[in-house]
């Protein structure tokens, strides 16, 4: 399996900046894992929509096999889980476009 490139959304970056150092380190470690195997998290409705639990938080990401990338979209609590998933599903196309733009810039 190829190594995957891991990218983040601006929303996720803002959420990450508010986390404790310990949680940030766990997420950074998870990124290394995602590069090796983007399917480590639980599947949500679609093969490419995944969730990885980190204690009380949930990390949501999309896997794009055709371009070997992972887009980390958001963090949420259990309370906001369904709203976050619904938002991601509703904006699949927007996230795909965002990912393509990131790749075109690099």
PDB file of N, CA and C in Angstrom:
ATOM      1  N   UNK A   1       0.845  -1.194   0.000  1.00  0.00           N
ATOM      2  CA  UNK A   1       0.000   0.000   0.000  1.00  0.00           C
ATOM      3  C   UNK A   1       0.885   1.251   0.000  1.00  0.00           C
ATOM      4  N   UNK A   2       0.497   2.239  -0.778  1.00  0.00           N
ATOM      5  CA  UNK A   2       1.219   3.513  -0.824  1.00  0.00           C
ATOM      6  C   UNK A   2       1.152   4.202   0.530  1.00  0.00           C
ATOM      7  N   UNK A   3       2.095   5.087   0.751  1.00  0.00           N
ATOM      8  CA  UNK A   3       1.934   5.993   1.884  1.00  0.00           C
ATOM      9  C   UNK A   3       0.990   7.100   1.466  1.00  0.00           C
ATOM     10  N   UNK A   4       0.148   7.502   2.355  1.00  0.00           N
ATOM     11  CA  UNK A   4      -0.826   8.553   2.088  1.00  0.00           C
ATOM     12  C   UNK A   4      -0.306   9.878   2.637  1.00  0.00           C
ATOM     13  N   UNK A   5      -0.653  10.953   1.973  1.00  0.00           N
ATOM     14  CA  UNK A   5      -0.341  12.288   2.489  1.00  0.00           C
ATOM     15  C   UNK A   5      -1.533  12.711   3.354  1.00  0.00           C
ATOM     16  N   UNK A   6      -1.259  13.341   4.475  1.00  0.00           N
ATOM     17  CA  UNK A   6      -2.326  13.767   5.381  1.00  0.00           C
ATOM     18  C   UNK A   6      -2.414  15.291   5.358  1.00  0.00           C
ATOM     19  N   UNK A   7      -3.611  15.792   5.071  1.00  0.00           N
ATOM     20  CA  UNK A   7      -3.881  17.230   5.042  1.00  0.00           C
ATOM     21  C   UNK A   7      -4.994  17.536   6.043  1.00  0.00           C
ATOM     22  N   UNK A   8      -5.086  18.801   6.419  1.00  0.00           N
ATOM     23  CA  UNK A   8      -6.124  19.205   7.367  1.00  0.00           C
ATOM     24  C   UNK A   8      -6.889  20.402   6.815  1.00  0.00           C
ATOM     25  N   UNK A   9      -8.104  20.563   7.306  1.00  0.00           N
ATOM     26  CA  UNK A   9      -8.898  21.743   6.936  1.00  0.00           C
ATOM     27  C   UNK A   9      -8.562  22.874   7.901  1.00  0.00           C
ATOM     28  N   UNK A  10      -8.911  24.088   7.519  1.00  0.00           N
ATOM     29  CA  UNK A  10      -8.685  25.240   8.397  1.00  0.00           C
ATOM     30  C   UNK A  10      -9.506  25.107   9.682  1.00  0.00           C
ATOM     31  N   UNK A  11     -10.693  24.545   9.559  1.00  0.00           N
ATOM     32  CA  UNK A  11     -11.544  24.319  10.734  1.00  0.00           C
ATOM     33  C   UNK A  11     -10.829  23.413  11.727  1.00  0.00           C
ATOM     34  N   UNK A  12     -10.281  22.322  11.211  1.00  0.00           N
ATOM     35  CA  UNK A  12      -9.559  21.397  12.084  1.00  0.00           C
ATOM     36  C   UNK A  12      -8.352  22.079  12.717  1.00  0.00           C
ATOM     37  N   UNK A  13      -7.618  22.852  11.931  1.00  0.00           N
ATOM     38  CA  UNK A  13      -6.430  23.542  12.458  1.00  0.00           C
ATOM     39  C   UNK A  13      -6.802  24.459  13.626  1.00  0.00           C
ATOM     40  N   UNK A  14      -7.935  25.163  13.500  1.00  0.00           N
ATOM     41  CA  UNK A  14      -8.398  26.029  14.597  1.00  0.00           C
ATOM     42  C   UNK A  14      -8.732  25.191  15.834  1.00  0.00           C
ATOM     43  N   UNK A  15      -9.418  24.064  15.618  1.00  0.00           N
ATOM     44  CA  UNK A  15      -9.781  23.199  16.750  1.00  0.00           C
ATOM     45  C   UNK A  15      -8.516  22.651  17.422  1.00  0.00           C
ATOM     46  N   UNK A  16      -7.552  22.273  16.610  1.00  0.00           N
ATOM     47  CA  UNK A  16      -6.312  21.680  17.115  1.00  0.00           C
ATOM     48  C   UNK A  16      -5.546  22.687  17.979  1.00  0.00           C
ATOM     49  N   UNK A  17      -5.568  23.950  17.588  1.00  0.00           N
ATOM     50  CA  UNK A  17      -4.818  24.967  18.330  1.00  0.00           C
ATOM     51  C   UNK A  17      -5.374  25.182  19.741  1.00  0.00           C
ATOM     52  N   UNK A  18      -6.603  24.755  19.984  1.00  0.00           N
ATOM     53  CA  UNK A  18      -7.228  24.937  21.300  1.00  0.00           C
ATOM     54  C   UNK A  18      -7.041  23.725  22.222  1.00  0.00           C
ATOM     55  N   UNK A  19      -6.421  22.680  21.713  1.00  0.00           N
ATOM     56  CA  UNK A  19      -6.282  21.449  22.494  1.00  0.00           C
ATOM     57  C   UNK A  19      -5.093  21.491  23.441  1.00  0.00           C
ATOM     58  N   UNK A  20      -5.127  20.602  24.414  1.00  0.00           N
ATOM     59  CA  UNK A  20      -3.987  20.464  25.319  1.00  0.00           C
ATOM     60  C   UNK A  20      -2.803  19.894  24.539  1.00  0.00           C
ATOM     61  N   UNK A  21      -1.626  20.107  25.074  1.00  0.00           N
ATOM     62  CA  UNK A  21      -0.412  19.607  24.418  1.00  0.00           C
ATOM     63  C   UNK A  21      -0.466  18.081  24.291  1.00  0.00           C
ATOM     64  N   UNK A  22      -0.959  17.438  25.317  1.00  0.00           N
ATOM     65  CA  UNK A  22      -1.062  15.974  25.338  1.00  0.00           C
ATOM     66  C   UNK A  22      -1.959  15.482  24.195  1.00  0.00           C
ATOM     67  N   UNK A  23      -3.127  16.102  24.041  1.00  0.00           N
ATOM     68  CA  UNK A  23      -4.059  15.693  22.986  1.00  0.00           C
ATOM     69  C   UNK A  23      -3.474  16.003  21.603  1.00  0.00           C
ATOM     70  N   UNK A  24      -2.824  17.133  21.460  1.00  0.00           N
ATOM     71  CA  UNK A  24      -2.184  17.486  20.186  1.00  0.00           C
ATOM     72  C   UNK A  24      -1.146  16.441  19.795  1.00  0.00           C
ATOM     73  N   UNK A  25      -0.390  15.982  20.776  1.00  0.00           N
ATOM     74  CA  UNK A  25       0.629  14.963  20.505  1.00  0.00           C
ATOM     75  C   UNK A  25      -0.015  13.643  20.073  1.00  0.00           C
ATOM     76  N   UNK A  26      -1.112  13.281  20.705  1.00  0.00           N
ATOM     77  CA  UNK A  26      -1.825  12.054  20.315  1.00  0.00           C
ATOM     78  C   UNK A  26      -2.303  12.154  18.861  1.00  0.00           C
ATOM     79  N   UNK A  27      -2.812  13.310  18.489  1.00  0.00           N
ATOM     80  CA  UNK A  27      -3.320  13.505  17.127  1.00  0.00           C
ATOM     81  C   UNK A  27      -2.163  13.480  16.122  1.00  0.00           C
ATOM     82  N   UNK A  28      -1.059  14.113  16.467  1.00  0.00           N
ATOM     83  CA  UNK A  28       0.112  14.098  15.589  1.00  0.00           C
ATOM     84  C   UNK A  28       0.598  12.656  15.382  1.00  0.00           C
ATOM     85  N   UNK A  29       0.573  11.879  16.442  1.00  0.00           N
ATOM     86  CA  UNK A  29       0.948  10.472  16.359  1.00  0.00           C
ATOM     87  C   UNK A  29      -0.026   9.712  15.443  1.00  0.00           C
ATOM     88  N   UNK A  30      -1.301  10.041  15.563  1.00  0.00           N
ATOM     89  CA  UNK A  30      -2.320   9.414  14.730  1.00  0.00           C
ATOM     90  C   UNK A  30      -2.081   9.726  13.247  1.00  0.00           C
ATOM     91  N   UNK A  31      -1.627  10.944  12.943  1.00  0.00           N
ATOM     92  CA  UNK A  31      -1.336  11.305  11.554  1.00  0.00           C
ATOM     93  C   UNK A  31      -0.303  10.351  10.947  1.00  0.00           C
ATOM     94  N   UNK A  32       0.701   9.990  11.734  1.00  0.00           N
ATOM     95  CA  UNK A  32       1.717   9.034  11.254  1.00  0.00           C
ATOM     96  C   UNK A  32       1.075   7.695  10.938  1.00  0.00           C
ATOM     97  N   UNK A  33       0.149   7.294  11.779  1.00  0.00           N
ATOM     98  CA  UNK A  33      -0.586   6.044  11.569  1.00  0.00           C
ATOM     99  C   UNK A  33      -1.428   6.125  10.294  1.00  0.00           C
ATOM    100  N   UNK A  34      -2.087   7.255  10.076  1.00  0.00           N
ATOM    101  CA  UNK A  34      -2.938   7.429   8.893  1.00  0.00           C
ATOM    102  C   UNK A  34      -2.131   7.378   7.601  1.00  0.00           C
ATOM    103  N   UNK A  35      -0.888   7.862   7.646  1.00  0.00           N
ATOM    104  CA  UNK A  35      -0.035   7.811   6.452  1.00  0.00           C
ATOM    105  C   UNK A  35       0.217   6.367   6.022  1.00  0.00           C
ATOM    106  N   UNK A  36       0.359   5.500   7.005  1.00  0.00           N
ATOM    107  CA  UNK A  36       0.598   4.080   6.742  1.00  0.00           C
ATOM    108  C   UNK A  36      -0.685   3.346   6.371  1.00  0.00           C
ATOM    109  N   UNK A  37      -1.737   3.596   7.140  1.00  0.00           N
ATOM    110  CA  UNK A  37      -3.012   2.911   6.933  1.00  0.00           C
ATOM    111  C   UNK A  37      -4.164   3.860   7.245  1.00  0.00           C
ATOM    112  N   UNK A  38      -4.731   4.483   6.204  1.00  0.00           N
ATOM    113  CA  UNK A  38      -5.800   5.454   6.450  1.00  0.00           C
ATOM    114  C   UNK A  38      -7.109   4.828   6.926  1.00  0.00           C
ATOM    115  N   UNK A  39      -7.179   3.509   6.929  1.00  0.00           N
ATOM    116  CA  UNK A  39      -8.430   2.847   7.332  1.00  0.00           C
ATOM    117  C   UNK A  39      -8.415   2.365   8.778  1.00  0.00           C
ATOM    118  N   UNK A  40      -7.567   2.967   9.624  1.00  0.00           N
ATOM    119  CA  UNK A  40      -7.503   2.556  11.032  1.00  0.00           C
ATOM    120  C   UNK A  40      -8.764   2.896  11.815  1.00  0.00           C
ATOM    121  N   UNK A  41      -9.445   3.952  11.428  1.00  0.00           N
ATOM    122  CA  UNK A  41     -10.644   4.358  12.159  1.00  0.00           C
ATOM    123  C   UNK A  41     -11.865   3.563  11.751  1.00  0.00           C
ATOM    124  N   UNK A  42     -12.977   3.850  12.410  1.00  0.00           N
ATOM    125  CA  UNK A  42     -14.248   3.180  12.098  1.00  0.00           C
ATOM    126  C   UNK A  42     -14.892   3.808  10.871  1.00  0.00           C
ATOM    127  N   UNK A  43     -15.472   2.967  10.045  1.00  0.00           N
ATOM    128  CA  UNK A  43     -16.188   3.457   8.866  1.00  0.00           C
ATOM    129  C   UNK A  43     -17.528   4.044   9.280  1.00  0.00           C
ATOM    130  N   UNK A  44     -17.890   5.179   8.661  1.00  0.00           N
ATOM    131  CA  UNK A  44     -19.173   5.830   8.928  1.00  0.00           C
ATOM    132  C   UNK A  44     -19.952   5.956   7.621  1.00  0.00           C
ATOM    133  N   UNK A  45     -20.951   5.167   7.438  1.00  0.00           N
ATOM    134  CA  UNK A  45     -21.831   5.222   6.257  1.00  0.00           C
ATOM    135  C   UNK A  45     -21.146   4.961   4.916  1.00  0.00           C
ATOM    136  N   UNK A  46     -19.983   5.547   4.693  1.00  0.00           N
ATOM    137  CA  UNK A  46     -19.261   5.399   3.424  1.00  0.00           C
ATOM    138  C   UNK A  46     -17.860   4.885   3.714  1.00  0.00           C
ATOM    139  N   UNK A  47     -17.309   4.113   2.771  1.00  0.00           N
ATOM    140  CA  UNK A  47     -15.974   3.539   2.972  1.00  0.00           C
ATOM    141  C   UNK A  47     -14.930   4.620   3.240  1.00  0.00           C
ATOM    142  N   UNK A  48     -15.041   5.748   2.575  1.00  0.00           N
ATOM    143  CA  UNK A  48     -14.003   6.782   2.691  1.00  0.00           C
ATOM    144  C   UNK A  48     -14.228   7.780   3.829  1.00  0.00           C
ATOM    145  N   UNK A  49     -15.348   7.683   4.540  1.00  0.00           N
ATOM    146  CA  UNK A  49     -15.607   8.555   5.696  1.00  0.00           C
ATOM    147  C   UNK A  49     -15.292   7.764   6.963  1.00  0.00           C
ATOM    148  N   UNK A  50     -14.339   8.264   7.726  1.00  0.00           N
ATOM    149  CA  UNK A  50     -13.860   7.527   8.898  1.00  0.00           C
ATOM    150  C   UNK A  50     -13.904   8.383  10.160  1.00  0.00           C
ATOM    151  N   UNK A  51     -13.914   7.669  11.283  1.00  0.00           N
ATOM    152  CA  UNK A  51     -13.883   8.317  12.601  1.00  0.00           C
ATOM    153  C   UNK A  51     -12.880   7.570  13.454  1.00  0.00           C
ATOM    154  N   UNK A  52     -12.054   8.322  14.161  1.00  0.00           N
ATOM    155  CA  UNK A  52     -11.119   7.709  15.100  1.00  0.00           C
ATOM    156  C   UNK A  52     -11.365   8.323  16.463  1.00  0.00           C
ATOM    157  N   UNK A  53     -11.644   7.482  17.441  1.00  0.00           N
ATOM    158  CA  UNK A  53     -11.889   7.968  18.803  1.00  0.00           C
ATOM    159  C   UNK A  53     -10.567   8.213  19.530  1.00  0.00           C
ATOM    160  N   UNK A  54     -10.510   9.358  20.197  1.00  0.00           N
ATOM    161  CA  UNK A  54      -9.368   9.710  21.046  1.00  0.00           C
ATOM    162  C   UNK A  54      -9.947  10.179  22.372  1.00  0.00           C
ATOM    163  N   UNK A  55     -10.086   9.278  23.303  1.00  0.00           N
ATOM    164  CA  UNK A  55     -10.747   9.548  24.578  1.00  0.00           C
ATOM    165  C   UNK A  55     -12.137  10.116  24.344  1.00  0.00           C
ATOM    166  N   UNK A  56     -12.373  11.357  24.819  1.00  0.00           N
ATOM    167  CA  UNK A  56     -13.725  11.931  24.684  1.00  0.00           C
ATOM    168  C   UNK A  56     -13.933  12.629  23.339  1.00  0.00           C
ATOM    169  N   UNK A  57     -12.896  12.716  22.533  1.00  0.00           N
ATOM    170  CA  UNK A  57     -12.992  13.386  21.225  1.00  0.00           C
ATOM    171  C   UNK A  57     -13.100  12.352  20.095  1.00  0.00           C
ATOM    172  N   UNK A  58     -13.631  12.826  18.973  1.00  0.00           N
ATOM    173  CA  UNK A  58     -13.683  12.008  17.769  1.00  0.00           C
ATOM    174  C   UNK A  58     -13.083  12.820  16.633  1.00  0.00           C
ATOM    175  N   UNK A  59     -12.204  12.170  15.880  1.00  0.00           N
ATOM    176  CA  UNK A  59     -11.529  12.800  14.751  1.00  0.00           C
ATOM    177  C   UNK A  59     -12.170  12.263  13.476  1.00  0.00           C
ATOM    178  N   UNK A  60     -12.586  13.163  12.593  1.00  0.00           N
ATOM    179  CA  UNK A  60     -13.258  12.761  11.353  1.00  0.00           C
ATOM    180  C   UNK A  60     -12.376  13.063  10.165  1.00  0.00           C
ATOM    181  N   UNK A  61     -12.308  12.108   9.245  1.00  0.00           N
ATOM    182  CA  UNK A  61     -11.477  12.316   8.063  1.00  0.00           C
ATOM    183  C   UNK A  61     -12.021  11.555   6.863  1.00  0.00           C
ATOM    184  N   UNK A  62     -11.604  12.019   5.688  1.00  0.00           N
ATOM    185  CA  UNK A  62     -11.977  11.393   4.417  1.00  0.00           C
ATOM    186  C   UNK A  62     -10.732  10.800   3.785  1.00  0.00           C
ATOM    187  N   UNK A  63     -10.875   9.613   3.207  1.00  0.00           N
ATOM    188  CA  UNK A  63      -9.771   8.940   2.536  1.00  0.00           C
ATOM    189  C   UNK A  63     -10.020   8.995   1.031  1.00  0.00           C
ATOM    190  N   UNK A  64      -9.034   9.491   0.304  1.00  0.00           N
ATOM    191  CA  UNK A  64      -9.107   9.545  -1.158  1.00  0.00           C
ATOM    192  C   UNK A  64      -8.058   8.599  -1.722  1.00  0.00           C
ATOM    193  N   UNK A  65      -8.472   7.361  -2.016  1.00  0.00           N
ATOM    194  CA  UNK A  65      -7.543   6.353  -2.526  1.00  0.00           C
ATOM    195  C   UNK A  65      -6.952   6.737  -3.873  1.00  0.00           C
ATOM    196  N   UNK A  66      -7.765   7.357  -4.725  1.00  0.00           N
ATOM    197  CA  UNK A  66      -7.295   7.668  -6.080  1.00  0.00           C
ATOM    198  C   UNK A  66      -6.130   8.659  -6.101  1.00  0.00           C
ATOM    199  N   UNK A  67      -6.020   9.485  -5.066  1.00  0.00           N
ATOM    200  CA  UNK A  67      -4.909  10.443  -5.007  1.00  0.00           C
ATOM    201  C   UNK A  67      -4.055  10.236  -3.745  1.00  0.00           C
ATOM    202  N   UNK A  68      -4.239   9.101  -3.085  1.00  0.00           N
ATOM    203  CA  UNK A  68      -3.455   8.707  -1.899  1.00  0.00           C
ATOM    204  C   UNK A  68      -3.346   9.822  -0.861  1.00  0.00           C
ATOM    205  N   UNK A  69      -4.491  10.378  -0.519  1.00  0.00           N
ATOM    206  CA  UNK A  69      -4.503  11.427   0.494  1.00  0.00           C
ATOM    207  C   UNK A  69      -5.593  11.188   1.530  1.00  0.00           C
ATOM    208  N   UNK A  70      -5.371  11.790   2.674  1.00  0.00           N
ATOM    209  CA  UNK A  70      -6.343  11.785   3.765  1.00  0.00           C
ATOM    210  C   UNK A  70      -6.591  13.245   4.108  1.00  0.00           C
ATOM    211  N   UNK A  71      -7.860  13.620   4.211  1.00  0.00           N
ATOM    212  CA  UNK A  71      -8.209  14.979   4.617  1.00  0.00           C
ATOM    213  C   UNK A  71      -8.864  14.908   5.990  1.00  0.00           C
ATOM    214  N   UNK A  72      -8.168  15.428   7.004  1.00  0.00           N
ATOM    215  CA  UNK A  72      -8.703  15.467   8.361  1.00  0.00           C
ATOM    216  C   UNK A  72      -9.589  16.699   8.455  1.00  0.00           C
ATOM    217  N   UNK A  73     -10.858  16.473   8.761  1.00  0.00           N
ATOM    218  CA  UNK A  73     -11.850  17.531   8.662  1.00  0.00           C
ATOM    219  C   UNK A  73     -12.176  18.198   9.982  1.00  0.00           C
ATOM    220  N   UNK A  74     -12.436  17.397  11.008  1.00  0.00           N
ATOM    221  CA  UNK A  74     -12.924  18.006  12.250  1.00  0.00           C
ATOM    222  C   UNK A  74     -12.719  17.102  13.447  1.00  0.00           C
ATOM    223  N   UNK A  75     -12.838  17.723  14.594  1.00  0.00           N
ATOM    224  CA  UNK A  75     -12.886  17.030  15.880  1.00  0.00           C
ATOM    225  C   UNK A  75     -14.242  17.343  16.480  1.00  0.00           C
ATOM    226  N   UNK A  76     -14.812  16.391  17.191  1.00  0.00           N
ATOM    227  CA  UNK A  76     -16.043  16.723  17.908  1.00  0.00           C
ATOM    228  C   UNK A  76     -16.150  15.859  19.146  1.00  0.00           C
ATOM    229  N   UNK A  77     -17.090  16.233  19.980  1.00  0.00           N
ATOM    230  CA  UNK A  77     -17.402  15.426  21.154  1.00  0.00           C
ATOM    231  C   UNK A  77     -18.500  14.446  20.756  1.00  0.00           C
ATOM    232  N   UNK A  78     -18.795  13.518  21.623  1.00  0.00           N
ATOM    233  CA  UNK A  78     -19.881  12.566  21.377  1.00  0.00           C
ATOM    234  C   UNK A  78     -21.198  13.323  21.164  1.00  0.00           C
ATOM    235  N   UNK A  79     -21.369  14.404  21.915  1.00  0.00           N
ATOM    236  CA  UNK A  79     -22.598  15.190  21.850  1.00  0.00           C
ATOM    237  C   UNK A  79     -22.836  15.771  20.447  1.00  0.00           C
ATOM    238  N   UNK A  80     -21.766  16.221  19.792  1.00  0.00           N
ATOM    239  CA  UNK A  80     -21.883  16.841  18.474  1.00  0.00           C
ATOM    240  C   UNK A  80     -21.622  15.871  17.327  1.00  0.00           C
ATOM    241  N   UNK A  81     -21.466  14.616  17.640  1.00  0.00           N
ATOM    242  CA  UNK A  81     -21.067  13.611  16.658  1.00  0.00           C
ATOM    243  C   UNK A  81     -21.970  13.589  15.423  1.00  0.00           C
ATOM    244  N   UNK A  82     -23.264  13.467  15.625  1.00  0.00           N
ATOM    245  CA  UNK A  82     -24.173  13.312  14.487  1.00  0.00           C
ATOM    246  C   UNK A  82     -24.210  14.568  13.620  1.00  0.00           C
ATOM    247  N   UNK A  83     -24.229  15.729  14.238  1.00  0.00           N
ATOM    248  CA  UNK A  83     -24.238  16.984  13.475  1.00  0.00           C
ATOM    249  C   UNK A  83     -22.967  17.112  12.637  1.00  0.00           C
ATOM    250  N   UNK A  84     -21.842  16.711  13.204  1.00  0.00           N
ATOM    251  CA  UNK A  84     -20.565  16.778  12.482  1.00  0.00           C
ATOM    252  C   UNK A  84     -20.573  15.832  11.288  1.00  0.00           C
ATOM    253  N   UNK A  85     -21.028  14.605  11.507  1.00  0.00           N
ATOM    254  CA  UNK A  85     -21.092  13.619  10.417  1.00  0.00           C
ATOM    255  C   UNK A  85     -22.024  14.110   9.314  1.00  0.00           C
ATOM    256  N   UNK A  86     -23.191  14.602   9.694  1.00  0.00           N
ATOM    257  CA  UNK A  86     -24.156  15.101   8.704  1.00  0.00           C
ATOM    258  C   UNK A  86     -23.558  16.245   7.882  1.00  0.00           C
ATOM    259  N   UNK A  87     -22.842  17.135   8.548  1.00  0.00           N
ATOM    260  CA  UNK A  87     -22.208  18.262   7.858  1.00  0.00           C
ATOM    261  C   UNK A  87     -21.181  17.755   6.830  1.00  0.00           C
ATOM    262  N   UNK A  88     -20.369  16.798   7.231  1.00  0.00           N
ATOM    263  CA  UNK A  88     -19.346  16.268   6.322  1.00  0.00           C
ATOM    264  C   UNK A  88     -19.994  15.607   5.111  1.00  0.00           C
ATOM    265  N   UNK A  89     -21.010  14.778   5.345  1.00  0.00           N
ATOM    266  CA  UNK A  89     -21.690  14.085   4.251  1.00  0.00           C
ATOM    267  C   UNK A  89     -22.310  15.100   3.288  1.00  0.00           C
ATOM    268  N   UNK A  90     -22.928  16.117   3.844  1.00  0.00           N
ATOM    269  CA  UNK A  90     -23.572  17.141   3.019  1.00  0.00           C
ATOM    270  C   UNK A  90     -22.561  17.887   2.143  1.00  0.00           C
ATOM    271  N   UNK A  91     -21.316  17.991   2.612  1.00  0.00           N
ATOM    272  CA  UNK A  91     -20.296  18.768   1.906  1.00  0.00           C
ATOM    273  C   UNK A  91     -19.186  17.922   1.283  1.00  0.00           C
ATOM    274  N   UNK A  92     -19.469  16.658   0.972  1.00  0.00           N
ATOM    275  CA  UNK A  92     -18.463  15.798   0.331  1.00  0.00           C
ATOM    276  C   UNK A  92     -17.793  16.486  -0.852  1.00  0.00           C
ATOM    277  N   UNK A  93     -18.594  17.083  -1.731  1.00  0.00           N
ATOM    278  CA  UNK A  93     -18.051  17.710  -2.942  1.00  0.00           C
ATOM    279  C   UNK A  93     -17.136  18.878  -2.600  1.00  0.00           C
ATOM    280  N   UNK A  94     -17.550  19.654  -1.622  1.00  0.00           N
ATOM    281  CA  UNK A  94     -16.754  20.807  -1.201  1.00  0.00           C
ATOM    282  C   UNK A  94     -15.386  20.351  -0.673  1.00  0.00           C
ATOM    283  N   UNK A  95     -15.385  19.268   0.107  1.00  0.00           N
ATOM    284  CA  UNK A  95     -14.124  18.759   0.650  1.00  0.00           C
ATOM    285  C   UNK A  95     -13.240  18.192  -0.451  1.00  0.00           C
ATOM    286  N   UNK A  96     -13.835  17.548  -1.422  1.00  0.00           N
ATOM    287  CA  UNK A  96     -13.069  17.019  -2.551  1.00  0.00           C
ATOM    288  C   UNK A  96     -12.401  18.179  -3.314  1.00  0.00           C
ATOM    289  N   UNK A  97     -13.167  19.222  -3.542  1.00  0.00           N
ATOM    290  CA  UNK A  97     -12.662  20.407  -4.241  1.00  0.00           C
ATOM    291  C   UNK A  97     -11.527  21.045  -3.432  1.00  0.00           C
ATOM    292  N   UNK A  98     -11.717  21.158  -2.128  1.00  0.00           N
ATOM    293  CA  UNK A  98     -10.705  21.711  -1.229  1.00  0.00           C
ATOM    294  C   UNK A  98      -9.410  20.890  -1.319  1.00  0.00           C
ATOM    295  N   UNK A  99      -9.559  19.573  -1.325  1.00  0.00           N
ATOM    296  CA  UNK A  99      -8.408  18.677  -1.409  1.00  0.00           C
ATOM    297  C   UNK A  99      -7.674  18.872  -2.737  1.00  0.00           C
ATOM    298  N   UNK A 100      -8.406  18.957  -3.823  1.00  0.00           N
ATOM    299  CA  UNK A 100      -7.801  19.154  -5.148  1.00  0.00           C
ATOM    300  C   UNK A 100      -7.020  20.467  -5.186  1.00  0.00           C
ATOM    301  N   UNK A 101      -7.600  21.521  -4.605  1.00  0.00           N
ATOM    302  CA  UNK A 101      -6.926  22.822  -4.566  1.00  0.00           C
ATOM    303  C   UNK A 101      -5.634  22.753  -3.760  1.00  0.00           C
ATOM    304  N   UNK A 102      -5.655  22.052  -2.636  1.00  0.00           N
ATOM    305  CA  UNK A 102      -4.441  21.899  -1.843  1.00  0.00           C
ATOM    306  C   UNK A 102      -3.359  21.202  -2.658  1.00  0.00           C
ATOM    307  N   UNK A 103      -3.734  20.169  -3.372  1.00  0.00           N
ATOM    308  CA  UNK A 103      -2.757  19.418  -4.165  1.00  0.00           C
ATOM    309  C   UNK A 103      -2.227  20.258  -5.328  1.00  0.00           C
ATOM    310  N   UNK A 104      -3.084  21.076  -5.907  1.00  0.00           N
ATOM    311  CA  UNK A 104      -2.643  21.924  -7.015  1.00  0.00           C
ATOM    312  C   UNK A 104      -1.645  22.989  -6.564  1.00  0.00           C
ATOM    313  N   UNK A 105      -1.742  23.405  -5.312  1.00  0.00           N
ATOM    314  CA  UNK A 105      -0.829  24.431  -4.777  1.00  0.00           C
ATOM    315  C   UNK A 105       0.559  23.857  -4.469  1.00  0.00           C
ATOM    316  N   UNK A 106       0.610  22.544  -4.224  1.00  0.00           N
ATOM    317  CA  UNK A 106       1.899  21.946  -3.848  1.00  0.00           C
ATOM    318  C   UNK A 106       2.655  21.422  -5.036  1.00  0.00           C
TER     319      UNK A 106
END
